[in-house]
């Protein structure tokens, strides 16, 4: 059994346990299979998965490997639950690029300062598709607009934003 960090590049050091099983296959060939502990727990108590199902954590916590929190589910159902719980949207996505403050700032620049997406991309050297999806609310839907945020930025027009330099407001 070994433990690995979930996403060390993003600072997420929650531990995920993997278990490796060495066994003899056909013709006495040495085989090895590594799966997460959740898979082996369900395999031991409920048998092999049927119909392309995978181990699913019902509460969304991959560190909670109690049998009452595990079930065999299809990939689609498992993914739907993660999205419904907000686990994989916006800043909760393990591969997110922006913090909530950065998303609010980009939306402010786009909506209030009237910068185009191309201008934002060139000024801050950011990926165009990621900026476009963030400012049009295709992604980062869980980042709620804070009316006081825009007022704060307008009050401190000449100050520096903690996430990005502040743009000039265009009339």
N, C-alpha and C. Protein backbone atom coordinates (compact mmCIF):
# COMPACT_ATOMS: atom_id res chain seq x y z
N UNK A 1 0.85 -1.16 0.00
CA UNK A 1 0.00 0.00 0.00
C UNK A 1 0.90 1.23 0.00
N UNK A 2 0.52 2.21 -0.80
CA UNK A 2 1.28 3.46 -0.80
C UNK A 2 0.31 4.62 -0.78
N UNK A 3 0.83 5.75 -0.36
CA UNK A 3 0.03 6.97 -0.28
C UNK A 3 0.63 7.99 -1.24
N UNK A 4 -0.23 8.73 -1.92
CA UNK A 4 0.27 9.77 -2.82
C UNK A 4 -0.56 11.03 -2.62
N UNK A 5 0.06 12.17 -2.91
CA UNK A 5 -0.67 13.43 -2.81
C UNK A 5 -1.63 13.54 -3.98
N UNK A 6 -2.81 14.08 -3.71
CA UNK A 6 -3.83 14.18 -4.74
C UNK A 6 -3.38 15.09 -5.87
N UNK A 7 -2.94 16.28 -5.57
CA UNK A 7 -2.54 17.24 -6.59
C UNK A 7 -1.49 18.16 -6.02
N UNK A 8 -0.24 17.71 -5.87
CA UNK A 8 0.78 18.51 -5.20
C UNK A 8 1.10 19.82 -5.91
N UNK A 9 0.92 19.89 -7.24
CA UNK A 9 1.22 21.13 -7.96
C UNK A 9 0.29 22.26 -7.54
N UNK A 10 -0.93 21.92 -7.17
CA UNK A 10 -1.91 22.93 -6.76
C UNK A 10 -1.95 23.10 -5.24
N UNK A 11 -1.03 22.47 -4.53
CA UNK A 11 -0.98 22.61 -3.08
C UNK A 11 -1.97 21.72 -2.35
N UNK A 12 -2.61 20.79 -3.08
CA UNK A 12 -3.58 19.88 -2.47
C UNK A 12 -2.83 18.62 -2.06
N UNK A 13 -2.53 18.49 -0.78
CA UNK A 13 -1.73 17.37 -0.31
C UNK A 13 -2.56 16.33 0.45
N UNK A 14 -3.88 16.27 0.16
CA UNK A 14 -4.69 15.21 0.74
C UNK A 14 -4.16 13.89 0.22
N UNK A 15 -4.18 12.90 1.05
CA UNK A 15 -3.58 11.62 0.69
C UNK A 15 -4.62 10.66 0.12
N UNK A 16 -4.24 10.03 -0.99
CA UNK A 16 -5.06 8.99 -1.60
C UNK A 16 -4.29 7.69 -1.47
N UNK A 17 -4.95 6.67 -0.95
CA UNK A 17 -4.28 5.40 -0.74
C UNK A 17 -4.48 4.48 -1.94
N UNK A 18 -3.37 3.93 -2.42
CA UNK A 18 -3.39 2.94 -3.48
C UNK A 18 -2.93 1.62 -2.89
N UNK A 19 -3.48 0.54 -3.41
CA UNK A 19 -3.11 -0.80 -2.97
C UNK A 19 -2.72 -1.60 -4.21
N UNK A 20 -1.56 -2.22 -4.16
CA UNK A 20 -1.08 -3.01 -5.28
C UNK A 20 -1.21 -4.49 -4.95
N UNK A 21 -1.78 -5.23 -5.87
CA UNK A 21 -1.97 -6.66 -5.71
C UNK A 21 -1.10 -7.39 -6.74
N UNK A 22 -0.19 -8.22 -6.26
CA UNK A 22 0.64 -9.06 -7.13
C UNK A 22 0.01 -10.45 -7.16
N UNK A 23 -0.15 -11.01 -8.35
CA UNK A 23 -0.77 -12.33 -8.47
C UNK A 23 -0.26 -13.04 -9.73
N UNK A 24 -0.58 -14.32 -9.81
CA UNK A 24 -0.20 -15.12 -10.97
C UNK A 24 -1.40 -15.24 -11.91
N UNK A 25 -1.16 -14.92 -13.16
CA UNK A 25 -2.21 -15.00 -14.16
C UNK A 25 -2.10 -16.28 -14.97
N UNK A 26 -2.68 -16.28 -16.17
CA UNK A 26 -2.60 -17.45 -17.05
C UNK A 26 -1.13 -17.80 -17.35
N UNK A 27 -0.85 -19.04 -17.49
CA UNK A 27 0.51 -19.54 -17.77
C UNK A 27 1.49 -19.15 -16.66
N UNK A 28 0.96 -18.99 -15.46
CA UNK A 28 1.80 -18.68 -14.30
C UNK A 28 2.58 -17.36 -14.45
N UNK A 29 2.04 -16.46 -15.26
CA UNK A 29 2.68 -15.17 -15.50
C UNK A 29 2.45 -14.25 -14.30
N UNK A 30 3.50 -13.56 -13.86
CA UNK A 30 3.40 -12.62 -12.74
C UNK A 30 2.67 -11.36 -13.20
N UNK A 31 1.60 -11.00 -12.52
CA UNK A 31 0.80 -9.81 -12.86
C UNK A 31 0.72 -8.89 -11.66
N UNK A 32 0.43 -7.62 -11.92
CA UNK A 32 0.31 -6.63 -10.85
C UNK A 32 -0.84 -5.68 -11.20
N UNK A 33 -1.63 -5.37 -10.20
CA UNK A 33 -2.73 -4.43 -10.41
C UNK A 33 -2.75 -3.44 -9.25
N UNK A 34 -2.77 -2.16 -9.58
CA UNK A 34 -2.84 -1.11 -8.56
C UNK A 34 -4.16 -0.36 -8.71
N UNK A 35 -4.88 -0.27 -7.62
CA UNK A 35 -6.16 0.47 -7.59
C UNK A 35 -6.22 1.24 -6.28
N UNK A 36 -7.16 2.18 -6.22
CA UNK A 36 -7.38 2.90 -4.97
C UNK A 36 -8.04 1.97 -3.96
N UNK A 37 -7.86 2.27 -2.70
CA UNK A 37 -8.42 1.44 -1.62
C UNK A 37 -9.92 1.29 -1.77
N UNK A 38 -10.61 2.33 -2.24
CA UNK A 38 -12.06 2.25 -2.41
C UNK A 38 -12.45 1.10 -3.34
N UNK A 39 -11.69 0.94 -4.41
CA UNK A 39 -11.97 -0.16 -5.34
C UNK A 39 -11.85 -1.50 -4.64
N UNK A 40 -10.77 -1.71 -3.89
CA UNK A 40 -10.55 -3.00 -3.24
C UNK A 40 -11.56 -3.25 -2.13
N UNK A 41 -11.99 -2.19 -1.44
CA UNK A 41 -13.03 -2.35 -0.41
C UNK A 41 -14.33 -2.86 -1.05
N UNK A 42 -14.76 -2.22 -2.12
CA UNK A 42 -15.98 -2.65 -2.79
C UNK A 42 -15.82 -4.04 -3.40
N UNK A 43 -14.66 -4.30 -3.96
CA UNK A 43 -14.38 -5.61 -4.56
C UNK A 43 -14.50 -6.71 -3.51
N UNK A 44 -13.96 -6.47 -2.32
CA UNK A 44 -13.97 -7.47 -1.26
C UNK A 44 -15.37 -7.71 -0.71
N UNK A 45 -16.18 -6.65 -0.57
CA UNK A 45 -17.48 -6.78 0.08
C UNK A 45 -18.65 -6.95 -0.88
N UNK A 46 -18.52 -6.43 -2.10
CA UNK A 46 -19.65 -6.49 -3.03
C UNK A 46 -19.32 -7.20 -4.34
N UNK A 47 -18.10 -7.69 -4.49
CA UNK A 47 -17.72 -8.40 -5.71
C UNK A 47 -17.22 -7.44 -6.79
N UNK A 48 -16.87 -8.03 -7.92
CA UNK A 48 -16.31 -7.26 -9.03
C UNK A 48 -17.36 -6.32 -9.62
N UNK A 49 -16.92 -5.18 -10.15
CA UNK A 49 -17.88 -4.25 -10.77
C UNK A 49 -18.46 -4.85 -12.04
N UNK A 50 -19.72 -4.57 -12.29
CA UNK A 50 -20.40 -5.09 -13.48
C UNK A 50 -20.75 -3.93 -14.41
N UNK A 51 -20.61 -4.14 -15.68
CA UNK A 51 -21.06 -3.15 -16.66
C UNK A 51 -20.28 -1.86 -16.66
N UNK A 52 -18.98 -1.90 -16.49
CA UNK A 52 -18.15 -0.69 -16.59
C UNK A 52 -18.30 0.27 -15.44
N UNK A 53 -18.72 -0.23 -14.29
CA UNK A 53 -18.89 0.65 -13.14
C UNK A 53 -17.56 0.88 -12.43
N UNK A 54 -17.49 1.94 -11.66
CA UNK A 54 -16.28 2.32 -10.94
C UNK A 54 -16.62 2.60 -9.49
N UNK A 55 -15.60 2.63 -8.66
CA UNK A 55 -15.79 2.93 -7.23
C UNK A 55 -16.13 4.41 -7.09
N UNK A 56 -17.15 4.70 -6.31
CA UNK A 56 -17.60 6.08 -6.13
C UNK A 56 -17.70 6.39 -4.64
N UNK A 57 -17.22 7.56 -4.25
CA UNK A 57 -17.36 8.03 -2.87
C UNK A 57 -18.63 8.87 -2.79
N UNK A 58 -19.62 8.42 -2.05
CA UNK A 58 -20.93 9.07 -2.04
C UNK A 58 -20.89 10.47 -1.45
N UNK A 59 -20.02 10.71 -0.46
CA UNK A 59 -19.95 12.06 0.13
C UNK A 59 -18.93 12.95 -0.58
N UNK A 60 -18.27 12.42 -1.61
CA UNK A 60 -17.31 13.21 -2.36
C UNK A 60 -15.93 13.28 -1.75
N UNK A 61 -15.75 12.74 -0.56
CA UNK A 61 -14.46 12.78 0.13
C UNK A 61 -13.69 11.50 -0.19
N UNK A 62 -12.64 11.64 -1.01
CA UNK A 62 -11.89 10.47 -1.45
C UNK A 62 -11.02 9.89 -0.34
N UNK A 63 -10.94 10.56 0.79
CA UNK A 63 -10.21 10.00 1.92
C UNK A 63 -11.11 9.14 2.81
N UNK A 64 -12.42 9.24 2.62
CA UNK A 64 -13.39 8.49 3.41
C UNK A 64 -13.67 7.16 2.71
N UNK A 65 -12.97 6.11 3.12
CA UNK A 65 -13.10 4.81 2.49
C UNK A 65 -13.96 3.84 3.30
N UNK A 66 -14.85 4.35 4.13
CA UNK A 66 -15.78 3.47 4.85
C UNK A 66 -16.75 2.87 3.85
N UNK A 67 -17.12 1.63 4.07
CA UNK A 67 -17.99 0.91 3.14
C UNK A 67 -19.33 1.61 2.94
N UNK A 68 -19.84 2.28 3.98
CA UNK A 68 -21.12 2.99 3.86
C UNK A 68 -21.01 4.20 2.94
N UNK A 69 -19.80 4.63 2.61
CA UNK A 69 -19.60 5.79 1.75
C UNK A 69 -19.23 5.38 0.32
N UNK A 70 -19.21 4.09 0.04
CA UNK A 70 -18.75 3.61 -1.27
C UNK A 70 -19.86 2.89 -2.01
N UNK A 71 -19.82 3.00 -3.35
CA UNK A 71 -20.79 2.29 -4.19
C UNK A 71 -20.19 2.12 -5.58
N UNK A 72 -20.62 1.05 -6.28
CA UNK A 72 -20.27 0.91 -7.69
C UNK A 72 -21.23 1.77 -8.49
N UNK A 73 -20.71 2.66 -9.31
CA UNK A 73 -21.56 3.52 -10.15
C UNK A 73 -20.90 3.71 -11.51
N UNK A 74 -21.71 4.09 -12.47
CA UNK A 74 -21.15 4.39 -13.78
C UNK A 74 -20.35 5.69 -13.69
N UNK A 75 -19.46 5.88 -14.63
CA UNK A 75 -18.65 7.10 -14.65
C UNK A 75 -19.53 8.33 -14.77
N UNK A 76 -20.57 8.26 -15.58
CA UNK A 76 -21.46 9.41 -15.77
C UNK A 76 -22.18 9.81 -14.49
N UNK A 77 -22.72 8.85 -13.77
CA UNK A 77 -23.42 9.14 -12.51
C UNK A 77 -22.43 9.69 -11.48
N UNK A 78 -21.26 9.10 -11.41
CA UNK A 78 -20.24 9.57 -10.47
C UNK A 78 -19.86 11.02 -10.79
N UNK A 79 -19.66 11.32 -12.06
CA UNK A 79 -19.30 12.68 -12.48
C UNK A 79 -20.44 13.66 -12.17
N UNK A 80 -21.68 13.28 -12.43
CA UNK A 80 -22.82 14.15 -12.16
C UNK A 80 -22.88 14.54 -10.68
N UNK A 81 -22.63 13.57 -9.80
CA UNK A 81 -22.67 13.86 -8.37
C UNK A 81 -21.56 14.84 -8.00
N UNK A 82 -20.36 14.65 -8.57
CA UNK A 82 -19.25 15.56 -8.26
C UNK A 82 -19.57 16.98 -8.71
N UNK A 83 -20.17 17.13 -9.88
CA UNK A 83 -20.54 18.46 -10.35
C UNK A 83 -21.66 19.05 -9.50
N UNK A 84 -22.65 18.21 -9.14
CA UNK A 84 -23.76 18.70 -8.31
C UNK A 84 -23.25 19.16 -6.94
N UNK A 85 -22.24 18.48 -6.41
CA UNK A 85 -21.67 18.88 -5.12
C UNK A 85 -20.68 20.03 -5.25
N UNK A 86 -20.43 20.48 -6.47
CA UNK A 86 -19.49 21.57 -6.69
C UNK A 86 -18.04 21.16 -6.59
N UNK A 87 -17.77 19.86 -6.67
CA UNK A 87 -16.40 19.39 -6.52
C UNK A 87 -15.52 19.70 -7.71
N UNK A 88 -16.10 19.75 -8.89
CA UNK A 88 -15.29 19.93 -10.08
C UNK A 88 -15.68 21.16 -10.87
N UNK A 89 -16.17 22.17 -10.22
CA UNK A 89 -16.49 23.39 -10.93
C UNK A 89 -15.64 24.53 -10.40
N UNK A 90 -15.14 25.32 -11.31
CA UNK A 90 -14.39 26.51 -10.93
C UNK A 90 -13.17 26.22 -10.09
N UNK A 91 -13.05 26.94 -8.99
CA UNK A 91 -11.85 26.82 -8.16
C UNK A 91 -11.79 25.50 -7.41
N UNK A 92 -12.87 24.73 -7.39
CA UNK A 92 -12.84 23.42 -6.76
C UNK A 92 -12.29 22.35 -7.70
N UNK A 93 -12.18 22.67 -8.96
CA UNK A 93 -11.60 21.74 -9.91
C UNK A 93 -10.11 21.62 -9.63
N UNK A 94 -9.59 20.41 -9.53
CA UNK A 94 -8.17 20.27 -9.20
C UNK A 94 -7.24 20.86 -10.26
N UNK A 95 -7.75 21.13 -11.45
CA UNK A 95 -6.91 21.69 -12.51
C UNK A 95 -7.22 23.16 -12.77
N UNK A 96 -7.86 23.83 -11.81
CA UNK A 96 -8.23 25.23 -12.05
C UNK A 96 -7.00 26.11 -12.22
N UNK A 97 -7.16 27.19 -12.99
CA UNK A 97 -6.05 28.11 -13.25
C UNK A 97 -6.14 29.37 -12.40
N UNK A 98 -7.35 29.78 -12.06
CA UNK A 98 -7.55 31.06 -11.38
C UNK A 98 -8.14 30.87 -9.99
N UNK A 99 -7.80 31.80 -9.09
CA UNK A 99 -8.44 31.86 -7.78
C UNK A 99 -9.76 32.61 -7.94
N UNK A 100 -10.60 32.61 -6.89
CA UNK A 100 -11.85 33.36 -6.94
C UNK A 100 -11.58 34.84 -7.16
N UNK A 101 -10.57 35.38 -6.48
CA UNK A 101 -10.23 36.80 -6.63
C UNK A 101 -9.82 37.14 -8.05
N UNK A 102 -9.06 36.25 -8.68
CA UNK A 102 -8.64 36.48 -10.05
C UNK A 102 -9.81 36.43 -11.01
N UNK A 103 -10.76 35.50 -10.78
CA UNK A 103 -11.94 35.42 -11.64
C UNK A 103 -12.77 36.69 -11.50
N UNK A 104 -12.98 37.15 -10.27
CA UNK A 104 -13.73 38.39 -10.06
C UNK A 104 -13.04 39.56 -10.76
N UNK A 105 -11.72 39.60 -10.66
CA UNK A 105 -10.97 40.68 -11.28
C UNK A 105 -11.11 40.62 -12.80
N UNK A 106 -10.98 39.44 -13.40
CA UNK A 106 -11.12 39.32 -14.85
C UNK A 106 -12.51 39.73 -15.30
N UNK A 107 -13.53 39.34 -14.55
CA UNK A 107 -14.90 39.73 -14.90
C UNK A 107 -15.08 41.24 -14.77
N UNK A 108 -14.47 41.82 -13.75
CA UNK A 108 -14.53 43.26 -13.57
C UNK A 108 -13.89 43.97 -14.76
N UNK A 109 -12.71 43.52 -15.15
CA UNK A 109 -11.99 44.13 -16.28
C UNK A 109 -12.82 44.02 -17.55
N UNK A 110 -13.44 42.88 -17.74
CA UNK A 110 -14.23 42.64 -18.95
C UNK A 110 -15.54 43.44 -18.96
N UNK A 111 -16.24 43.46 -17.83
CA UNK A 111 -17.57 44.07 -17.80
C UNK A 111 -17.55 45.56 -17.48
N UNK A 112 -16.78 45.96 -16.49
CA UNK A 112 -16.79 47.35 -16.04
C UNK A 112 -15.77 48.19 -16.80
N UNK A 113 -14.57 47.67 -16.96
CA UNK A 113 -13.53 48.43 -17.64
C UNK A 113 -13.63 48.36 -19.15
N UNK A 114 -14.50 47.46 -19.63
CA UNK A 114 -14.76 47.31 -21.06
C UNK A 114 -13.53 46.91 -21.87
N UNK A 115 -12.70 46.09 -21.30
CA UNK A 115 -11.58 45.52 -22.06
C UNK A 115 -12.12 44.35 -22.85
N UNK A 116 -11.58 44.11 -24.02
CA UNK A 116 -11.94 42.92 -24.78
C UNK A 116 -11.16 41.73 -24.22
N UNK A 117 -11.61 40.54 -24.56
CA UNK A 117 -10.90 39.35 -24.11
C UNK A 117 -9.49 39.33 -24.67
N UNK A 118 -9.32 39.74 -25.93
CA UNK A 118 -7.99 39.78 -26.53
C UNK A 118 -7.06 40.74 -25.78
N UNK A 119 -7.59 41.88 -25.35
CA UNK A 119 -6.76 42.84 -24.60
C UNK A 119 -6.33 42.25 -23.25
N UNK A 120 -7.25 41.56 -22.59
CA UNK A 120 -6.93 40.94 -21.29
C UNK A 120 -5.85 39.88 -21.49
N UNK A 121 -6.01 39.06 -22.52
CA UNK A 121 -5.05 37.99 -22.80
C UNK A 121 -3.67 38.56 -23.08
N UNK A 122 -3.60 39.61 -23.91
CA UNK A 122 -2.30 40.22 -24.23
C UNK A 122 -1.67 40.90 -23.02
N UNK A 123 -2.49 41.61 -22.24
CA UNK A 123 -1.96 42.37 -21.10
C UNK A 123 -1.42 41.44 -20.01
N UNK A 124 -2.13 40.37 -19.71
CA UNK A 124 -1.77 39.51 -18.58
C UNK A 124 -1.17 38.17 -18.99
N UNK A 125 -1.00 37.96 -20.31
CA UNK A 125 -0.39 36.72 -20.83
C UNK A 125 -1.11 35.47 -20.30
N UNK A 126 -2.43 35.45 -20.50
CA UNK A 126 -3.25 34.34 -20.03
C UNK A 126 -3.81 33.56 -21.21
N UNK A 127 -4.20 32.31 -21.00
CA UNK A 127 -4.78 31.52 -22.09
C UNK A 127 -6.14 32.08 -22.52
N UNK A 128 -6.30 32.31 -23.80
CA UNK A 128 -7.50 32.97 -24.32
C UNK A 128 -8.77 32.19 -24.00
N UNK A 129 -8.77 30.89 -24.24
CA UNK A 129 -9.98 30.10 -24.01
C UNK A 129 -10.37 30.09 -22.54
N UNK A 130 -9.40 30.04 -21.65
CA UNK A 130 -9.69 30.02 -20.22
C UNK A 130 -10.28 31.34 -19.77
N UNK A 131 -9.72 32.45 -20.26
CA UNK A 131 -10.25 33.78 -19.91
C UNK A 131 -11.66 33.94 -20.45
N UNK A 132 -11.87 33.56 -21.71
CA UNK A 132 -13.19 33.70 -22.33
C UNK A 132 -14.25 32.93 -21.54
N UNK A 133 -13.92 31.68 -21.17
CA UNK A 133 -14.90 30.88 -20.42
C UNK A 133 -15.14 31.44 -19.02
N UNK A 134 -14.12 32.03 -18.40
CA UNK A 134 -14.28 32.58 -17.05
C UNK A 134 -15.13 33.84 -17.07
N UNK A 135 -14.87 34.75 -18.02
CA UNK A 135 -15.61 36.02 -18.02
C UNK A 135 -17.03 35.86 -18.54
N UNK A 136 -17.27 34.87 -19.38
CA UNK A 136 -18.63 34.64 -19.87
C UNK A 136 -19.41 33.67 -18.99
N UNK A 137 -18.79 33.26 -17.88
CA UNK A 137 -19.41 32.41 -16.87
C UNK A 137 -19.74 31.00 -17.36
N UNK A 138 -19.02 30.54 -18.37
CA UNK A 138 -19.15 29.15 -18.81
C UNK A 138 -18.49 28.26 -17.76
N UNK A 139 -17.38 28.72 -17.20
CA UNK A 139 -16.71 28.04 -16.11
C UNK A 139 -16.71 28.96 -14.89
N UNK A 140 -16.27 28.46 -13.77
CA UNK A 140 -16.23 29.22 -12.51
C UNK A 140 -17.62 29.75 -12.15
N UNK A 141 -18.64 28.92 -12.39
CA UNK A 141 -20.01 29.32 -12.08
C UNK A 141 -20.24 29.49 -10.59
N UNK A 142 -19.39 28.83 -9.78
CA UNK A 142 -19.56 28.93 -8.33
C UNK A 142 -18.97 30.23 -7.76
N UNK A 143 -18.27 31.01 -8.58
CA UNK A 143 -17.74 32.30 -8.12
C UNK A 143 -18.86 33.32 -8.27
N UNK A 144 -19.38 33.77 -7.12
CA UNK A 144 -20.50 34.69 -7.10
C UNK A 144 -19.99 36.11 -7.19
N UNK A 145 -20.67 36.92 -7.99
CA UNK A 145 -20.29 38.32 -8.08
C UNK A 145 -20.58 39.00 -6.75
N UNK A 146 -19.63 39.76 -6.30
CA UNK A 146 -19.75 40.49 -5.05
C UNK A 146 -19.85 41.98 -5.39
N UNK A 147 -21.06 42.60 -5.21
CA UNK A 147 -21.21 44.01 -5.59
C UNK A 147 -20.21 44.92 -4.87
N UNK A 148 -19.86 44.58 -3.65
CA UNK A 148 -18.91 45.42 -2.92
C UNK A 148 -17.52 45.34 -3.53
N UNK A 149 -17.24 44.25 -4.25
CA UNK A 149 -15.93 44.11 -4.88
C UNK A 149 -15.72 45.22 -5.91
N UNK A 150 -16.73 45.44 -6.77
CA UNK A 150 -16.59 46.47 -7.80
C UNK A 150 -16.48 47.84 -7.17
N UNK A 151 -17.24 48.07 -6.10
CA UNK A 151 -17.13 49.37 -5.42
C UNK A 151 -15.75 49.55 -4.81
N UNK A 152 -15.21 48.49 -4.22
CA UNK A 152 -13.88 48.56 -3.62
C UNK A 152 -12.84 48.88 -4.67
N UNK A 153 -12.94 48.22 -5.82
CA UNK A 153 -11.96 48.47 -6.88
C UNK A 153 -12.12 49.88 -7.42
N UNK A 154 -13.36 50.34 -7.56
CA UNK A 154 -13.57 51.71 -8.05
C UNK A 154 -13.06 52.74 -7.05
N UNK A 155 -13.25 52.49 -5.75
CA UNK A 155 -12.76 53.42 -4.72
C UNK A 155 -11.25 53.51 -4.72
N UNK A 156 -10.60 52.43 -5.03
CA UNK A 156 -9.14 52.37 -5.00
C UNK A 156 -8.60 52.28 -6.44
N UNK A 157 -9.12 53.12 -7.30
CA UNK A 157 -8.81 53.06 -8.72
C UNK A 157 -7.31 53.14 -8.99
N UNK A 158 -6.57 53.92 -8.23
CA UNK A 158 -5.15 54.08 -8.49
C UNK A 158 -4.29 53.06 -7.75
N UNK A 159 -4.91 52.24 -6.90
CA UNK A 159 -4.13 51.26 -6.14
C UNK A 159 -3.90 50.00 -6.98
N UNK A 160 -3.05 49.12 -6.48
CA UNK A 160 -2.75 47.87 -7.17
C UNK A 160 -3.67 46.77 -6.64
N UNK A 161 -4.18 45.94 -7.53
CA UNK A 161 -5.01 44.80 -7.13
C UNK A 161 -4.09 43.69 -6.64
N UNK A 162 -4.50 42.94 -5.61
CA UNK A 162 -3.62 41.89 -5.09
C UNK A 162 -3.36 40.76 -6.10
N UNK A 163 -4.29 40.55 -7.03
CA UNK A 163 -4.12 39.46 -7.98
C UNK A 163 -3.47 39.90 -9.30
N UNK A 164 -3.87 41.06 -9.79
CA UNK A 164 -3.34 41.57 -11.05
C UNK A 164 -3.23 43.08 -10.96
N UNK A 165 -2.38 43.71 -11.78
CA UNK A 165 -2.36 45.17 -11.83
C UNK A 165 -3.71 45.69 -12.30
N UNK A 166 -4.11 46.83 -11.80
CA UNK A 166 -5.42 47.38 -12.10
C UNK A 166 -5.42 48.08 -13.46
N UNK A 167 -6.36 47.78 -14.34
CA UNK A 167 -6.43 48.43 -15.66
C UNK A 167 -7.09 49.79 -15.56
N UNK A 168 -6.90 50.58 -16.58
CA UNK A 168 -7.58 51.86 -16.67
C UNK A 168 -9.02 51.62 -17.12
N UNK A 169 -9.96 52.35 -16.51
CA UNK A 169 -11.36 52.21 -16.89
C UNK A 169 -11.59 52.98 -18.18
N UNK A 170 -12.26 52.34 -19.15
CA UNK A 170 -12.54 52.99 -20.42
C UNK A 170 -13.96 53.49 -20.40
N UNK A 171 -14.15 54.64 -20.90
CA UNK A 171 -15.50 55.26 -20.95
C UNK A 171 -16.21 54.89 -22.23
